[in-house]
Amino acid sequence: MSSVLKTYTKEELLKKFKTQKNIAIIQGFVIFLMILLAIFSTIENGISFQTFLPLFFIPMEFVMLFEMKKIKKELALRK
């Protein structure tokens, strides 16, 4: 991925970083809501698919944060 990031200009990297940051915040909020719903659903109905649904989306958040870290590193190299 770092070789792909080297082809972007600094402005494109900044735009990509801002976009991914916004998406990560929204996705984190949605995952938080899913966790709350899973807890309440488990209390009311017992263990079901909704109980484990947030576990499928949490790794996607970590991948997004890892990519943001790479972009931030590439921006730091260009200063």
PDB file of N, CA and C in Angstrom:
ATOM      1  N   MET A   1       0.826  -1.195   0.000  1.00  0.00           N
ATOM      2  CA  MET A   1       0.000   0.000   0.000  1.00  0.00           C
ATOM      3  C   MET A   1       0.864   1.250   0.000  1.00  0.00           C
ATOM      4  N   SER A   2       2.016   1.195   0.661  1.00  0.00           N
ATOM      5  CA  SER A   2       2.847   2.392   0.721  1.00  0.00           C
ATOM      6  C   SER A   2       3.330   2.789  -0.665  1.00  0.00           C
ATOM      7  N   SER A   3       3.567   1.825  -1.546  1.00  0.00           N
ATOM      8  CA  SER A   3       3.988   2.173  -2.897  1.00  0.00           C
ATOM      9  C   SER A   3       2.857   2.876  -3.643  1.00  0.00           C
ATOM     10  N   VAL A   4       1.624   2.511  -3.357  1.00  0.00           N
ATOM     11  CA  VAL A   4       0.488   3.177  -3.974  1.00  0.00           C
ATOM     12  C   VAL A   4       0.356   4.596  -3.428  1.00  0.00           C
ATOM     13  N   LEU A   5       0.621   4.768  -2.152  1.00  0.00           N
ATOM     14  CA  LEU A   5       0.511   6.094  -1.544  1.00  0.00           C
ATOM     15  C   LEU A   5       1.556   7.053  -2.092  1.00  0.00           C
ATOM     16  N   LYS A   6       2.670   6.539  -2.535  1.00  0.00           N
ATOM     17  CA  LYS A   6       3.719   7.408  -3.072  1.00  0.00           C
ATOM     18  C   LYS A   6       3.318   8.035  -4.401  1.00  0.00           C
ATOM     19  N   THR A   7       2.329   7.468  -5.067  1.00  0.00           N
ATOM     20  CA  THR A   7       1.888   8.022  -6.345  1.00  0.00           C
ATOM     21  C   THR A   7       0.932   9.202  -6.156  1.00  0.00           C
ATOM     22  N   TYR A   8       0.394   9.374  -4.949  1.00  0.00           N
ATOM     23  CA  TYR A   8      -0.520  10.480  -4.676  1.00  0.00           C
ATOM     24  C   TYR A   8       0.256  11.765  -4.398  1.00  0.00           C
ATOM     25  N   THR A   9      -0.367  12.869  -4.739  1.00  0.00           N
ATOM     26  CA  THR A   9       0.213  14.158  -4.358  1.00  0.00           C
ATOM     27  C   THR A   9      -0.127  14.417  -2.899  1.00  0.00           C
ATOM     28  N   LYS A  10       0.507  15.437  -2.341  1.00  0.00           N
ATOM     29  CA  LYS A  10       0.264  15.760  -0.930  1.00  0.00           C
ATOM     30  C   LYS A  10      -1.195  16.173  -0.707  1.00  0.00           C
ATOM     31  N   GLU A  11      -1.757  16.919  -1.635  1.00  0.00           N
ATOM     32  CA  GLU A  11      -3.144  17.352  -1.518  1.00  0.00           C
ATOM     33  C   GLU A  11      -4.098  16.157  -1.578  1.00  0.00           C
ATOM     34  N   GLU A  12      -3.804  15.217  -2.466  1.00  0.00           N
ATOM     35  CA  GLU A  12      -4.638  14.017  -2.566  1.00  0.00           C
ATOM     36  C   GLU A  12      -4.554  13.181  -1.291  1.00  0.00           C
ATOM     37  N   LEU A  13      -3.361  13.104  -0.717  1.00  0.00           N
ATOM     38  CA  LEU A  13      -3.199  12.370   0.536  1.00  0.00           C
ATOM     39  C   LEU A  13      -3.975  13.029   1.670  1.00  0.00           C
ATOM     40  N   LEU A  14      -3.916  14.352   1.736  1.00  0.00           N
ATOM     41  CA  LEU A  14      -4.667  15.069   2.765  1.00  0.00           C
ATOM     42  C   LEU A  14      -6.169  14.848   2.614  1.00  0.00           C
ATOM     43  N   LYS A  15      -6.630  14.895   1.368  1.00  0.00           N
ATOM     44  CA  LYS A  15      -8.057  14.671   1.110  1.00  0.00           C
ATOM     45  C   LYS A  15      -8.445  13.247   1.487  1.00  0.00           C
ATOM     46  N   LYS A  16      -7.623  12.276   1.116  1.00  0.00           N
ATOM     47  CA  LYS A  16      -7.892  10.872   1.437  1.00  0.00           C
ATOM     48  C   LYS A  16      -7.887  10.658   2.949  1.00  0.00           C
ATOM     49  N   PHE A  17      -6.958  11.305   3.648  1.00  0.00           N
ATOM     50  CA  PHE A  17      -6.879  11.174   5.103  1.00  0.00           C
ATOM     51  C   PHE A  17      -8.127  11.750   5.771  1.00  0.00           C
ATOM     52  N   LYS A  18      -8.546  12.929   5.327  1.00  0.00           N
ATOM     53  CA  LYS A  18      -9.741  13.550   5.903  1.00  0.00           C
ATOM     54  C   LYS A  18     -10.980  12.694   5.650  1.00  0.00           C
ATOM     55  N   THR A  19     -11.093  12.163   4.446  1.00  0.00           N
ATOM     56  CA  THR A  19     -12.234  11.316   4.112  1.00  0.00           C
ATOM     57  C   THR A  19     -12.249  10.058   4.969  1.00  0.00           C
ATOM     58  N   GLN A  20     -11.100   9.406   5.084  1.00  0.00           N
ATOM     59  CA  GLN A  20     -11.039   8.184   5.884  1.00  0.00           C
ATOM     60  C   GLN A  20     -11.261   8.477   7.360  1.00  0.00           C
ATOM     61  N   LYS A  21     -10.824   9.629   7.814  1.00  0.00           N
ATOM     62  CA  LYS A  21     -11.040  10.000   9.217  1.00  0.00           C
ATOM     63  C   LYS A  21     -12.534  10.159   9.491  1.00  0.00           C
ATOM     64  N   ASN A  22     -13.235  10.846   8.587  1.00  0.00           N
ATOM     65  CA  ASN A  22     -14.677  11.023   8.750  1.00  0.00           C
ATOM     66  C   ASN A  22     -15.410   9.686   8.701  1.00  0.00           C
ATOM     67  N   ILE A  23     -15.025   8.841   7.775  1.00  0.00           N
ATOM     68  CA  ILE A  23     -15.662   7.528   7.658  1.00  0.00           C
ATOM     69  C   ILE A  23     -15.390   6.686   8.896  1.00  0.00           C
ATOM     70  N   ALA A  24     -14.166   6.763   9.422  1.00  0.00           N
ATOM     71  CA  ALA A  24     -13.820   5.996  10.624  1.00  0.00           C
ATOM     72  C   ALA A  24     -14.633   6.456  11.825  1.00  0.00           C
ATOM     73  N   ILE A  25     -14.858   7.761  11.945  1.00  0.00           N
ATOM     74  CA  ILE A  25     -15.665   8.280  13.047  1.00  0.00           C
ATOM     75  C   ILE A  25     -17.107   7.802  12.930  1.00  0.00           C
ATOM     76  N   ILE A  26     -17.661   7.897  11.748  1.00  0.00           N
ATOM     77  CA  ILE A  26     -19.041   7.444  11.535  1.00  0.00           C
ATOM     78  C   ILE A  26     -19.156   5.949  11.771  1.00  0.00           C
ATOM     79  N   GLN A  27     -18.223   5.202  11.235  1.00  0.00           N
ATOM     80  CA  GLN A  27     -18.241   3.748  11.392  1.00  0.00           C
ATOM     81  C   GLN A  27     -18.080   3.361  12.868  1.00  0.00           C
ATOM     82  N   GLY A  28     -17.231   4.073  13.595  1.00  0.00           N
ATOM     83  CA  GLY A  28     -17.069   3.806  15.018  1.00  0.00           C
ATOM     84  C   GLY A  28     -18.351   4.059  15.785  1.00  0.00           C
ATOM     85  N   PHE A  29     -19.052   5.139  15.428  1.00  0.00           N
ATOM     86  CA  PHE A  29     -20.332   5.442  16.072  1.00  0.00           C
ATOM     87  C   PHE A  29     -21.374   4.363  15.779  1.00  0.00           C
ATOM     88  N   VAL A  30     -21.425   3.912  14.535  1.00  0.00           N
ATOM     89  CA  VAL A  30     -22.376   2.862  14.161  1.00  0.00           C
ATOM     90  C   VAL A  30     -22.055   1.556  14.897  1.00  0.00           C
ATOM     91  N   ILE A  31     -20.787   1.226  15.010  1.00  0.00           N
ATOM     92  CA  ILE A  31     -20.394   0.018  15.742  1.00  0.00           C
ATOM     93  C   ILE A  31     -20.784   0.145  17.213  1.00  0.00           C
ATOM     94  N   PHE A  32     -20.594   1.334  17.787  1.00  0.00           N
ATOM     95  CA  PHE A  32     -20.995   1.570  19.169  1.00  0.00           C
ATOM     96  C   PHE A  32     -22.502   1.340  19.345  1.00  0.00           C
ATOM     97  N   LEU A  33     -23.297   1.875  18.404  1.00  0.00           N
ATOM     98  CA  LEU A  33     -24.746   1.652  18.464  1.00  0.00           C
ATOM     99  C   LEU A  33     -25.091   0.172  18.314  1.00  0.00           C
ATOM    100  N   MET A  34     -24.369  -0.523  17.434  1.00  0.00           N
ATOM    101  CA  MET A  34     -24.618  -1.954  17.249  1.00  0.00           C
ATOM    102  C   MET A  34     -24.305  -2.726  18.525  1.00  0.00           C
ATOM    103  N   ILE A  35     -23.251  -2.328  19.226  1.00  0.00           N
ATOM    104  CA  ILE A  35     -22.900  -2.992  20.485  1.00  0.00           C
ATOM    105  C   ILE A  35     -23.992  -2.763  21.520  1.00  0.00           C
ATOM    106  N   LEU A  36     -24.480  -1.514  21.601  1.00  0.00           N
ATOM    107  CA  LEU A  36     -25.563  -1.233  22.539  1.00  0.00           C
ATOM    108  C   LEU A  36     -26.811  -2.046  22.211  1.00  0.00           C
ATOM    109  N   LEU A  37     -27.170  -2.086  20.936  1.00  0.00           N
ATOM    110  CA  LEU A  37     -28.336  -2.873  20.528  1.00  0.00           C
ATOM    111  C   LEU A  37     -28.128  -4.361  20.798  1.00  0.00           C
ATOM    112  N   ALA A  38     -26.919  -4.842  20.602  1.00  0.00           N
ATOM    113  CA  ALA A  38     -26.636  -6.253  20.862  1.00  0.00           C
ATOM    114  C   ALA A  38     -26.787  -6.569  22.350  1.00  0.00           C
ATOM    115  N   ILE A  39     -26.341  -5.647  23.197  1.00  0.00           N
ATOM    116  CA  ILE A  39     -26.467  -5.861  24.645  1.00  0.00           C
ATOM    117  C   ILE A  39     -27.936  -5.895  25.045  1.00  0.00           C
ATOM    118  N   PHE A  40     -28.702  -4.909  24.588  1.00  0.00           N
ATOM    119  CA  PHE A  40     -30.118  -4.875  24.942  1.00  0.00           C
ATOM    120  C   PHE A  40     -30.880  -6.058  24.350  1.00  0.00           C
ATOM    121  N   SER A  41     -30.538  -6.440  23.137  1.00  0.00           N
ATOM    122  CA  SER A  41     -31.187  -7.589  22.504  1.00  0.00           C
ATOM    123  C   SER A  41     -30.875  -8.880  23.254  1.00  0.00           C
ATOM    124  N   THR A  42     -29.648  -9.014  23.708  1.00  0.00           N
ATOM    125  CA  THR A  42     -29.253 -10.210  24.452  1.00  0.00           C
ATOM    126  C   THR A  42     -29.972 -10.262  25.798  1.00  0.00           C
ATOM    127  N   ILE A  43     -30.108  -9.112  26.444  1.00  0.00           N
ATOM    128  CA  ILE A  43     -30.823  -9.078  27.719  1.00  0.00           C
ATOM    129  C   ILE A  43     -32.289  -9.456  27.536  1.00  0.00           C
ATOM    130  N   GLU A  44     -32.917  -8.941  26.485  1.00  0.00           N
ATOM    131  CA  GLU A  44     -34.342  -9.184  26.252  1.00  0.00           C
ATOM    132  C   GLU A  44     -34.639 -10.568  25.666  1.00  0.00           C
ATOM    133  N   ASN A  45     -33.862 -10.972  24.653  1.00  0.00           N
ATOM    134  CA  ASN A  45     -34.204 -12.175  23.888  1.00  0.00           C
ATOM    135  C   ASN A  45     -33.203 -13.308  24.027  1.00  0.00           C
ATOM    136  N   GLY A  46     -32.131 -13.104  24.715  1.00  0.00           N
ATOM    137  CA  GLY A  46     -31.092 -14.126  24.794  1.00  0.00           C
ATOM    138  C   GLY A  46     -30.119 -13.970  23.633  1.00  0.00           C
ATOM    139  N   ILE A  47     -29.205 -14.917  23.522  1.00  0.00           N
ATOM    140  CA  ILE A  47     -28.176 -14.854  22.487  1.00  0.00           C
ATOM    141  C   ILE A  47     -28.794 -15.127  21.119  1.00  0.00           C
ATOM    142  N   SER A  48     -28.469 -14.253  20.172  1.00  0.00           N
ATOM    143  CA  SER A  48     -28.952 -14.396  18.800  1.00  0.00           C
ATOM    144  C   SER A  48     -27.882 -13.882  17.851  1.00  0.00           C
ATOM    145  N   PHE A  49     -28.229 -13.785  16.591  1.00  0.00           N
ATOM    146  CA  PHE A  49     -27.285 -13.279  15.585  1.00  0.00           C
ATOM    147  C   PHE A  49     -26.878 -11.845  15.887  1.00  0.00           C
ATOM    148  N   GLN A  50     -27.825 -11.044  16.399  1.00  0.00           N
ATOM    149  CA  GLN A  50     -27.529  -9.645  16.707  1.00  0.00           C
ATOM    150  C   GLN A  50     -26.456  -9.503  17.782  1.00  0.00           C
ATOM    151  N   THR A  51     -26.329 -10.511  18.618  1.00  0.00           N
ATOM    152  CA  THR A  51     -25.313 -10.469  19.663  1.00  0.00           C
ATOM    153  C   THR A  51     -23.911 -10.419  19.066  1.00  0.00           C
ATOM    154  N   PHE A  52     -23.700 -11.160  17.990  1.00  0.00           N
ATOM    155  CA  PHE A  52     -22.370 -11.281  17.397  1.00  0.00           C
ATOM    156  C   PHE A  52     -22.158 -10.378  16.185  1.00  0.00           C
ATOM    157  N   LEU A  53     -23.165  -9.662  15.768  1.00  0.00           N
ATOM    158  CA  LEU A  53     -23.063  -8.809  14.581  1.00  0.00           C
ATOM    159  C   LEU A  53     -21.951  -7.753  14.685  1.00  0.00           C
ATOM    160  N   PRO A  54     -21.778  -7.068  15.823  1.00  0.00           N
ATOM    161  CA  PRO A  54     -20.678  -6.080  15.882  1.00  0.00           C
ATOM    162  C   PRO A  54     -19.298  -6.700  15.696  1.00  0.00           C
ATOM    163  N   LEU A  55     -19.140  -7.961  16.032  1.00  0.00           N
ATOM    164  CA  LEU A  55     -17.840  -8.612  15.887  1.00  0.00           C
ATOM    165  C   LEU A  55     -17.393  -8.721  14.437  1.00  0.00           C
ATOM    166  N   PHE A  56     -18.329  -8.673  13.494  1.00  0.00           N
ATOM    167  CA  PHE A  56     -17.983  -8.731  12.083  1.00  0.00           C
ATOM    168  C   PHE A  56     -17.510  -7.372  11.561  1.00  0.00           C
ATOM    169  N   PHE A  57     -17.919  -6.285  12.232  1.00  0.00           N
ATOM    170  CA  PHE A  57     -17.593  -4.952  11.753  1.00  0.00           C
ATOM    171  C   PHE A  57     -16.392  -4.329  12.463  1.00  0.00           C
ATOM    172  N   ILE A  58     -16.047  -4.807  13.626  1.00  0.00           N
ATOM    173  CA  ILE A  58     -14.914  -4.254  14.368  1.00  0.00           C
ATOM    174  C   ILE A  58     -13.591  -4.398  13.599  1.00  0.00           C
ATOM    175  N   PRO A  59     -13.296  -5.541  12.965  1.00  0.00           N
ATOM    176  CA  PRO A  59     -12.038  -5.627  12.188  1.00  0.00           C
ATOM    177  C   PRO A  59     -11.959  -4.611  11.054  1.00  0.00           C
ATOM    178  N   MET A  60     -13.094  -4.268  10.459  1.00  0.00           N
ATOM    179  CA  MET A  60     -13.087  -3.261   9.395  1.00  0.00           C
ATOM    180  C   MET A  60     -12.643  -1.909   9.942  1.00  0.00           C
ATOM    181  N   GLU A  61     -13.029  -1.606  11.168  1.00  0.00           N
ATOM    182  CA  GLU A  61     -12.606  -0.352  11.798  1.00  0.00           C
ATOM    183  C   GLU A  61     -11.092  -0.346  12.013  1.00  0.00           C
ATOM    184  N   PHE A  62     -10.545  -1.482  12.449  1.00  0.00           N
ATOM    185  CA  PHE A  62      -9.101  -1.558  12.657  1.00  0.00           C
ATOM    186  C   PHE A  62      -8.329  -1.420  11.348  1.00  0.00           C
ATOM    187  N   VAL A  63      -8.846  -1.979  10.272  1.00  0.00           N
ATOM    188  CA  VAL A  63      -8.202  -1.832   8.959  1.00  0.00           C
ATOM    189  C   VAL A  63      -8.212  -0.370   8.537  1.00  0.00           C
ATOM    190  N   MET A  64      -9.334   0.301   8.764  1.00  0.00           N
ATOM    191  CA  MET A  64      -9.444   1.721   8.422  1.00  0.00           C
ATOM    192  C   MET A  64      -8.433   2.543   9.224  1.00  0.00           C
ATOM    193  N   LEU A  65      -8.311   2.262  10.514  1.00  0.00           N
ATOM    194  CA  LEU A  65      -7.356   2.997  11.353  1.00  0.00           C
ATOM    195  C   LEU A  65      -5.912   2.708  10.941  1.00  0.00           C
ATOM    196  N   PHE A  66      -5.632   1.468  10.535  1.00  0.00           N
ATOM    197  CA  PHE A  66      -4.298   1.105  10.081  1.00  0.00           C
ATOM    198  C   PHE A  66      -3.937   1.850   8.790  1.00  0.00           C
ATOM    199  N   GLU A  67      -4.897   1.965   7.864  1.00  0.00           N
ATOM    200  CA  GLU A  67      -4.657   2.703   6.624  1.00  0.00           C
ATOM    201  C   GLU A  67      -4.448   4.186   6.902  1.00  0.00           C
ATOM    202  N   MET A  68      -5.193   4.730   7.863  1.00  0.00           N
ATOM    203  CA  MET A  68      -5.000   6.131   8.233  1.00  0.00           C
ATOM    204  C   MET A  68      -3.601   6.349   8.800  1.00  0.00           C
ATOM    205  N   LYS A  69      -3.124   5.381   9.552  1.00  0.00           N
ATOM    206  CA  LYS A  69      -1.780   5.476  10.116  1.00  0.00           C
ATOM    207  C   LYS A  69      -0.732   5.492   9.000  1.00  0.00           C
ATOM    208  N   LYS A  70      -0.928   4.671   7.961  1.00  0.00           N
ATOM    209  CA  LYS A  70       0.000   4.655   6.826  1.00  0.00           C
ATOM    210  C   LYS A  70      -0.009   5.989   6.080  1.00  0.00           C
ATOM    211  N   ILE A  71      -1.190   6.551   5.898  1.00  0.00           N
ATOM    212  CA  ILE A  71      -1.295   7.834   5.199  1.00  0.00           C
ATOM    213  C   ILE A  71      -0.619   8.923   6.012  1.00  0.00           C
ATOM    214  N   LYS A  72      -0.829   8.909   7.313  1.00  0.00           N
ATOM    215  CA  LYS A  72      -0.210   9.899   8.187  1.00  0.00           C
ATOM    216  C   LYS A  72       1.324   9.780   8.147  1.00  0.00           C
ATOM    217  N   LYS A  73       1.807   8.551   8.105  1.00  0.00           N
ATOM    218  CA  LYS A  73       3.256   8.322   8.021  1.00  0.00           C
ATOM    219  C   LYS A  73       3.807   8.863   6.698  1.00  0.00           C
ATOM    220  N   GLU A  74       3.088   8.619   5.607  1.00  0.00           N
ATOM    221  CA  GLU A  74       3.533   9.101   4.300  1.00  0.00           C
ATOM    222  C   GLU A  74       3.514  10.635   4.258  1.00  0.00           C
ATOM    223  N   LEU A  75       2.529  11.252   4.887  1.00  0.00           N
ATOM    224  CA  LEU A  75       2.487  12.709   4.948  1.00  0.00           C
ATOM    225  C   LEU A  75       3.647  13.261   5.763  1.00  0.00           C
ATOM    226  N   ALA A  76       3.998  12.561   6.827  1.00  0.00           N
ATOM    227  CA  ALA A  76       5.127  13.006   7.661  1.00  0.00           C
ATOM    228  C   ALA A  76       6.441  12.914   6.891  1.00  0.00           C
ATOM    229  N   LEU A  77       6.573  11.933   6.017  1.00  0.00           N
ATOM    230  CA  LEU A  77       7.793  11.800   5.223  1.00  0.00           C
ATOM    231  C   LEU A  77       7.945  12.935   4.198  1.00  0.00           C
ATOM    232  N   ARG A  78       6.831  13.489   3.770  1.00  0.00           N
ATOM    233  CA  ARG A  78       6.881  14.518   2.743  1.00  0.00           C
ATOM    234  C   ARG A  78       7.093  15.914   3.279  1.00  0.00           C
ATOM    235  N   LYS A  79       7.076  16.122   4.547  1.00  0.00           N
ATOM    236  CA  LYS A  79       7.239  17.484   5.096  1.00  0.00           C
ATOM    237  C   LYS A  79       8.647  17.945   5.039  1.00  0.00           C
TER     238      LYS A  79
END
